[in-house]
C-alpha atoms as a PDB file:
ATOM      1  CA  UNK A   1       0.188 -12.524  -1.462  1.00  0.00           C
ATOM      2  CA  UNK A   2      -1.253 -14.013   1.714  1.00  0.00           C
ATOM      3  CA  UNK A   3      -2.929 -11.706   4.114  1.00  0.00           C
ATOM      4  CA  UNK A   4      -1.399 -13.432   7.124  1.00  0.00           C
ATOM      5  CA  UNK A   5       2.130 -12.672   5.806  1.00  0.00           C
ATOM      6  CA  UNK A   6       1.684  -8.887   5.525  1.00  0.00           C
ATOM      7  CA  UNK A   7       4.091  -7.153   7.722  1.00  0.00           C
ATOM      8  CA  UNK A   8       3.625  -3.474   6.753  1.00  0.00           C
ATOM      9  CA  UNK A   9       1.576  -1.496   4.177  1.00  0.00           C
ATOM     10  CA  UNK A  10       2.640   2.062   3.270  1.00  0.00           C
ATOM     11  CA  UNK A  11       0.932   4.501   1.000  1.00  0.00           C
ATOM     12  CA  UNK A  12       2.986   5.215  -2.020  1.00  0.00           C
ATOM     13  CA  UNK A  13       3.018   8.638  -3.776  1.00  0.00           C
ATOM     14  CA  UNK A  14       4.049   9.590  -7.366  1.00  0.00           C
ATOM     15  CA  UNK A  15       7.152  11.773  -7.040  1.00  0.00           C
ATOM     16  CA  UNK A  16       6.185  13.961  -9.986  1.00  0.00           C
ATOM     17  CA  UNK A  17       2.759  15.124  -8.691  1.00  0.00           C
ATOM     18  CA  UNK A  18       2.580  13.862  -5.134  1.00  0.00           C
ATOM     19  CA  UNK A  19      -0.654  11.936  -5.868  1.00  0.00           C
ATOM     20  CA  UNK A  20      -1.351   8.667  -3.941  1.00  0.00           C
ATOM     21  CA  UNK A  21      -0.887   5.904  -6.469  1.00  0.00           C
ATOM     22  CA  UNK A  22      -0.679   2.599  -4.603  1.00  0.00           C
ATOM     23  CA  UNK A  23       0.764   0.735  -1.772  1.00  0.00           C
ATOM     24  CA  UNK A  24       4.271  -0.537  -0.857  1.00  0.00           C
ATOM     25  CA  UNK A  25       3.762  -3.796   0.893  1.00  0.00           C
ATOM     26  CA  UNK A  26       6.199  -5.900   2.864  1.00  0.00           C
ATOM     27  CA  UNK A  27       5.162  -9.637   3.048  1.00  0.00           C
ATOM     28  CA  UNK A  28       7.414 -12.607   3.695  1.00  0.00           C
ATOM     29  CA  UNK A  29      10.293 -10.060   3.908  1.00  0.00           C
ATOM     30  CA  UNK A  30       9.689  -9.057   0.253  1.00  0.00           C
ATOM     31  CA  UNK A  31       8.754  -5.540  -0.649  1.00  0.00           C
ATOM     32  CA  UNK A  32       6.358  -4.994  -3.589  1.00  0.00           C
ATOM     33  CA  UNK A  33       4.252  -2.316  -5.128  1.00  0.00           C
ATOM     34  CA  UNK A  34       0.497  -2.747  -5.477  1.00  0.00           C
ATOM     35  CA  UNK A  35      -1.386  -0.252  -7.671  1.00  0.00           C
ATOM     36  CA  UNK A  36      -4.758   1.230  -6.998  1.00  0.00           C
ATOM     37  CA  UNK A  37      -6.676  -1.332  -9.027  1.00  0.00           C
ATOM     38  CA  UNK A  38      -9.767  -2.951  -7.625  1.00  0.00           C
ATOM     39  CA  UNK A  39      -9.389  -5.894 -10.017  1.00  0.00           C
ATOM     40  CA  UNK A  40      -5.881  -6.625  -8.737  1.00  0.00           C
ATOM     41  CA  UNK A  41      -5.968  -9.538  -6.226  1.00  0.00           C
ATOM     42  CA  UNK A  42      -3.119  -8.116  -4.062  1.00  0.00           C
ATOM     43  CA  UNK A  43      -5.071  -4.854  -3.807  1.00  0.00           C
ATOM     44  CA  UNK A  44      -8.064  -6.821  -2.632  1.00  0.00           C
ATOM     45  CA  UNK A  45      -5.881  -8.613  -0.064  1.00  0.00           C
ATOM     46  CA  UNK A  46      -4.691  -5.281   1.236  1.00  0.00           C
ATOM     47  CA  UNK A  47      -8.213  -3.964   1.503  1.00  0.00           C
ATOM     48  CA  UNK A  48      -9.178  -7.034   3.565  1.00  0.00           C
ATOM     49  CA  UNK A  49      -6.054  -6.600   5.732  1.00  0.00           C
ATOM     50  CA  UNK A  50      -7.126  -2.919   6.377  1.00  0.00           C
ATOM     51  CA  UNK A  51     -10.768  -4.062   7.104  1.00  0.00           C
ATOM     52  CA  UNK A  52      -9.348  -6.635   9.636  1.00  0.00           C
ATOM     53  CA  UNK A  53      -7.621  -3.837  11.580  1.00  0.00           C
ATOM     54  CA  UNK A  54      -4.311  -3.504   9.688  1.00  0.00           C
ATOM     55  CA  UNK A  55      -2.784   0.032   9.999  1.00  0.00           C
ATOM     56  CA  UNK A  56      -1.471   1.721   6.828  1.00  0.00           C
ATOM     57  CA  UNK A  57       1.563   3.967   7.182  1.00  0.00           C
ATOM     58  CA  UNK A  58       0.981   7.261   5.489  1.00  0.00           C
ATOM     59  CA  UNK A  59       3.923   9.621   4.929  1.00  0.00           C
ATOM     60  CA  UNK A  60       2.761  12.103   2.258  1.00  0.00           C
ATOM     61  CA  UNK A  61       5.316  14.176   0.623  1.00  0.00           C
ATOM     62  CA  UNK A  62       5.427  17.834   1.644  1.00  0.00           C
ATOM     63  CA  UNK A  63       3.562  20.199  -0.603  1.00  0.00           C
ATOM     64  CA  UNK A  64       5.712  22.534  -2.637  1.00  0.00           C
ATOM     65  CA  UNK A  65       4.426  26.133  -3.308  1.00  0.00           C
END
């Protein structure tokens, strides 16, 4: 993944427990999932994109009682 080609980054939540588990990334018109893994080079690119001013979309699921 090339940081210049990132269009959007959205937080992804596990549907079973509503925990944040990674990012959905659109780059070069391709949507991919990137897990929360500091050793993952795509994860590192996202962190740099965020540090450079990129905005992450966060739409957490609603809590169920």
